[in-house]
Amino acid sequence: MKIGAQLYTVREFCKTKEDLGETLKKIADIGYQTVQVSGTCECDPMWLAQELKKNGLKCVLTHIPKDKLLENAKQVAMDHKIFDCNYVGLGYFPLDEPEQNLEEFLSLFIPVADAIKQQGKYFLYHNH
């Protein structure tokens, strides 16, 4: 079993690229080998790939904002190829009214999941 660190917990220390780089180093120094990138600053996927490699970390999952996924899921998946992460996650979608919102969710995110799958990646969702 591998245990990883989800960066949302330390998001207050990941607001800039410099802070994110330092946080990745500290996470690795603690002994983690895998991370979930979520709640961090925006960064170039190549930069993230280099920082992960430099610190001996692997990103195994992300949480991507809803709007970014809806805008260009294909590009999100292509970015994930750069930093070698197979799982593109959405962490929140309001399902307060199950039938209505479930239908809305499916109509919005089935095309997203298809676009991600076409790039060889997987779309994941769990509701917080």
C-alpha atoms as a PDB file:
ATOM      1  CA  MET A   1       0.000   0.000   0.000  1.00  0.00           C
ATOM      2  CA  LYS A   2       1.240   3.471  -0.846  1.00  0.00           C
ATOM      3  CA  ILE A   3       0.224   6.444   1.224  1.00  0.00           C
ATOM      4  CA  GLY A   4       0.240   9.879  -0.373  1.00  0.00           C
ATOM      5  CA  ALA A   5      -0.298  13.457   0.643  1.00  0.00           C
ATOM      6  CA  GLN A   6      -3.166  15.458  -0.781  1.00  0.00           C
ATOM      7  CA  LEU A   7      -2.013  19.018  -1.176  1.00  0.00           C
ATOM      8  CA  TYR A   8      -5.410  20.548  -0.450  1.00  0.00           C
ATOM      9  CA  THR A   9      -4.603  20.155   3.238  1.00  0.00           C
ATOM     10  CA  VAL A  10      -1.537  22.375   2.829  1.00  0.00           C
ATOM     11  CA  ARG A  11      -3.029  24.686   0.176  1.00  0.00           C
ATOM     12  CA  GLU A  12      -2.226  27.779   2.252  1.00  0.00           C
ATOM     13  CA  PHE A  13       1.454  26.942   1.641  1.00  0.00           C
ATOM     14  CA  CYS A  14       0.962  26.469  -2.121  1.00  0.00           C
ATOM     15  CA  LYS A  15      -0.285  29.858  -3.294  1.00  0.00           C
ATOM     16  CA  THR A  16       2.759  30.648  -5.462  1.00  0.00           C
ATOM     17  CA  LYS A  17       5.024  28.455  -7.574  1.00  0.00           C
ATOM     18  CA  GLU A  18       7.871  29.084  -5.172  1.00  0.00           C
ATOM     19  CA  ASP A  19       5.734  28.054  -2.196  1.00  0.00           C
ATOM     20  CA  LEU A  20       4.444  24.989  -4.045  1.00  0.00           C
ATOM     21  CA  GLY A  21       7.999  23.936  -4.871  1.00  0.00           C
ATOM     22  CA  GLU A  22       9.037  24.301  -1.239  1.00  0.00           C
ATOM     23  CA  THR A  23       5.960  22.404  -0.065  1.00  0.00           C
ATOM     24  CA  LEU A  24       6.691  19.533  -2.465  1.00  0.00           C
ATOM     25  CA  LYS A  25      10.218  19.376  -1.054  1.00  0.00           C
ATOM     26  CA  LYS A  26       8.904  19.259   2.512  1.00  0.00           C
ATOM     27  CA  ILE A  27       6.331  16.592   1.597  1.00  0.00           C
ATOM     28  CA  ALA A  28       9.110  14.483   0.084  1.00  0.00           C
ATOM     29  CA  ASP A  29      11.382  15.100   3.083  1.00  0.00           C
ATOM     30  CA  ILE A  30       8.666  13.717   5.367  1.00  0.00           C
ATOM     31  CA  GLY A  31       8.783  10.517   3.318  1.00  0.00           C
ATOM     32  CA  TYR A  32       5.819  10.723   0.975  1.00  0.00           C
ATOM     33  CA  GLN A  33       6.304   9.404  -2.544  1.00  0.00           C
ATOM     34  CA  THR A  34       2.916  10.285  -4.027  1.00  0.00           C
ATOM     35  CA  VAL A  35       0.725  13.377  -4.006  1.00  0.00           C
ATOM     36  CA  GLN A  36      -2.701  14.557  -5.054  1.00  0.00           C
ATOM     37  CA  VAL A  37      -2.385  18.014  -6.545  1.00  0.00           C
ATOM     38  CA  SER A  38      -5.422  20.014  -5.502  1.00  0.00           C
ATOM     39  CA  GLY A  39      -6.013  23.499  -4.182  1.00  0.00           C
ATOM     40  CA  THR A  40      -2.625  24.758  -5.323  1.00  0.00           C
ATOM     41  CA  CYS A  41      -1.634  27.726  -7.456  1.00  0.00           C
ATOM     42  CA  GLU A  42      -1.811  27.515 -11.231  1.00  0.00           C
ATOM     43  CA  CYS A  43       1.459  26.296 -12.686  1.00  0.00           C
ATOM     44  CA  ASP A  44       2.893  25.150 -15.965  1.00  0.00           C
ATOM     45  CA  PRO A  45       2.627  21.355 -16.322  1.00  0.00           C
ATOM     46  CA  MET A  46       6.294  21.091 -17.370  1.00  0.00           C
ATOM     47  CA  TRP A  47       7.342  23.008 -14.256  1.00  0.00           C
ATOM     48  CA  LEU A  48       5.226  20.687 -12.118  1.00  0.00           C
ATOM     49  CA  ALA A  49       6.758  17.634 -13.808  1.00  0.00           C
ATOM     50  CA  GLN A  50      10.249  18.928 -13.035  1.00  0.00           C
ATOM     51  CA  GLU A  51       9.400  19.723  -9.417  1.00  0.00           C
ATOM     52  CA  LEU A  52       7.820  16.321  -8.852  1.00  0.00           C
ATOM     53  CA  LYS A  53      10.816  14.548 -10.390  1.00  0.00           C
ATOM     54  CA  LYS A  54      13.309  16.696  -8.472  1.00  0.00           C
ATOM     55  CA  ASN A  55      11.623  15.678  -5.218  1.00  0.00           C
ATOM     56  CA  GLY A  56      11.074  12.012  -6.072  1.00  0.00           C
ATOM     57  CA  LEU A  57       7.294  12.420  -6.082  1.00  0.00           C
ATOM     58  CA  LYS A  58       4.566  11.122  -8.359  1.00  0.00           C
ATOM     59  CA  CYS A  59       1.234  12.866  -8.803  1.00  0.00           C
ATOM     60  CA  VAL A  60      -1.398  10.136  -8.771  1.00  0.00           C
ATOM     61  CA  LEU A  61      -4.527  12.317  -8.855  1.00  0.00           C
ATOM     62  CA  THR A  62      -5.581  15.916  -9.266  1.00  0.00           C
ATOM     63  CA  HIS A  63      -8.632  17.978  -8.537  1.00  0.00           C
ATOM     64  CA  ILE A  64      -9.305  20.349 -11.385  1.00  0.00           C
ATOM     65  CA  PRO A  65     -11.806  23.212 -11.100  1.00  0.00           C
ATOM     66  CA  LYS A  66     -15.129  22.575 -12.830  1.00  0.00           C
ATOM     67  CA  ASP A  67     -14.812  25.537 -15.185  1.00  0.00           C
ATOM     68  CA  LYS A  68     -11.356  24.504 -16.371  1.00  0.00           C
ATOM     69  CA  LEU A  69     -12.603  20.989 -17.170  1.00  0.00           C
ATOM     70  CA  LEU A  70     -15.626  22.316 -19.011  1.00  0.00           C
ATOM     71  CA  GLU A  71     -13.544  24.827 -20.953  1.00  0.00           C
ATOM     72  CA  ASN A  72     -10.981  22.375 -22.347  1.00  0.00           C
ATOM     73  CA  ALA A  73     -10.910  18.842 -20.950  1.00  0.00           C
ATOM     74  CA  LYS A  74      -8.641  17.652 -23.751  1.00  0.00           C
ATOM     75  CA  GLN A  75      -5.964  20.193 -22.790  1.00  0.00           C
ATOM     76  CA  VAL A  76      -6.288  19.273 -19.123  1.00  0.00           C
ATOM     77  CA  ALA A  77      -5.684  15.617 -20.030  1.00  0.00           C
ATOM     78  CA  MET A  78      -2.744  16.546 -22.249  1.00  0.00           C
ATOM     79  CA  ASP A  79      -1.264  18.536 -19.356  1.00  0.00           C
ATOM     80  CA  HIS A  80      -1.621  15.461 -17.144  1.00  0.00           C
ATOM     81  CA  LYS A  81       0.471  13.506 -19.658  1.00  0.00           C
ATOM     82  CA  ILE A  82       3.288  15.987 -19.136  1.00  0.00           C
ATOM     83  CA  PHE A  83       3.468  15.393 -15.383  1.00  0.00           C
ATOM     84  CA  ASP A  84       2.570  11.701 -15.740  1.00  0.00           C
ATOM     85  CA  CYS A  85      -0.723  11.634 -13.849  1.00  0.00           C
ATOM     86  CA  ASN A  86      -3.431   9.244 -15.034  1.00  0.00           C
ATOM     87  CA  TYR A  87      -6.352  10.446 -12.929  1.00  0.00           C
ATOM     88  CA  VAL A  88      -8.099  13.771 -13.504  1.00  0.00           C
ATOM     89  CA  GLY A  89     -10.432  14.497 -10.623  1.00  0.00           C
ATOM     90  CA  LEU A  90     -13.311  16.824  -9.967  1.00  0.00           C
ATOM     91  CA  GLY A  91     -13.731  17.321  -6.247  1.00  0.00           C
ATOM     92  CA  TYR A  92     -17.032  19.093  -6.080  1.00  0.00           C
ATOM     93  CA  PHE A  93     -20.293  19.498  -7.937  1.00  0.00           C
ATOM     94  CA  PRO A  94     -23.440  20.480  -6.006  1.00  0.00           C
ATOM     95  CA  LEU A  95     -25.777  17.522  -5.928  1.00  0.00           C
ATOM     96  CA  ASP A  96     -28.207  19.014  -3.406  1.00  0.00           C
ATOM     97  CA  GLU A  97     -31.195  18.123  -5.571  1.00  0.00           C
ATOM     98  CA  PRO A  98     -30.202  14.629  -6.678  1.00  0.00           C
ATOM     99  CA  GLU A  99     -32.370  14.096  -9.751  1.00  0.00           C
ATOM    100  CA  GLN A 100     -32.036  17.560 -11.232  1.00  0.00           C
ATOM    101  CA  ASN A 101     -28.382  18.012 -10.430  1.00  0.00           C
ATOM    102  CA  LEU A 102     -27.429  14.458 -11.328  1.00  0.00           C
ATOM    103  CA  GLU A 103     -28.888  14.986 -14.792  1.00  0.00           C
ATOM    104  CA  GLU A 104     -27.026  18.289 -15.088  1.00  0.00           C
ATOM    105  CA  PHE A 105     -23.811  16.666 -13.868  1.00  0.00           C
ATOM    106  CA  LEU A 106     -24.101  13.855 -16.404  1.00  0.00           C
ATOM    107  CA  SER A 107     -24.904  16.177 -19.284  1.00  0.00           C
ATOM    108  CA  LEU A 108     -21.882  18.336 -18.461  1.00  0.00           C
ATOM    109  CA  PHE A 109     -19.310  15.736 -17.498  1.00  0.00           C
ATOM    110  CA  ILE A 110     -19.899  12.750 -19.765  1.00  0.00           C
ATOM    111  CA  PRO A 111     -18.326  14.757 -22.621  1.00  0.00           C
ATOM    112  CA  VAL A 112     -15.500  15.769 -20.257  1.00  0.00           C
ATOM    113  CA  ALA A 113     -14.892  12.137 -19.300  1.00  0.00           C
ATOM    114  CA  ASP A 114     -14.913  11.137 -22.970  1.00  0.00           C
ATOM    115  CA  ALA A 115     -12.371  13.826 -23.889  1.00  0.00           C
ATOM    116  CA  ILE A 116     -10.120  12.747 -21.033  1.00  0.00           C
ATOM    117  CA  LYS A 117     -10.441   9.073 -21.962  1.00  0.00           C
ATOM    118  CA  GLN A 118      -9.480   9.865 -25.564  1.00  0.00           C
ATOM    119  CA  GLN A 119      -6.164  11.098 -24.181  1.00  0.00           C
ATOM    120  CA  GLY A 120      -5.605   7.861 -22.245  1.00  0.00           C
ATOM    121  CA  LYS A 121      -6.508   9.310 -18.858  1.00  0.00           C
ATOM    122  CA  TYR A 122      -9.340   8.664 -16.415  1.00  0.00           C
ATOM    123  CA  PHE A 123     -11.926  11.063 -15.010  1.00  0.00           C
ATOM    124  CA  LEU A 124     -12.768  10.661 -11.330  1.00  0.00           C
ATOM    125  CA  TYR A 125     -15.375  12.332  -9.187  1.00  0.00           C
ATOM    126  CA  HIS A 126     -16.268  12.297  -5.550  1.00  0.00           C
ATOM    127  CA  ASN A 127     -18.448  14.750  -3.741  1.00  0.00           C
ATOM    128  CA  HIS A 128     -17.011  16.566  -0.743  1.00  0.00           C
END
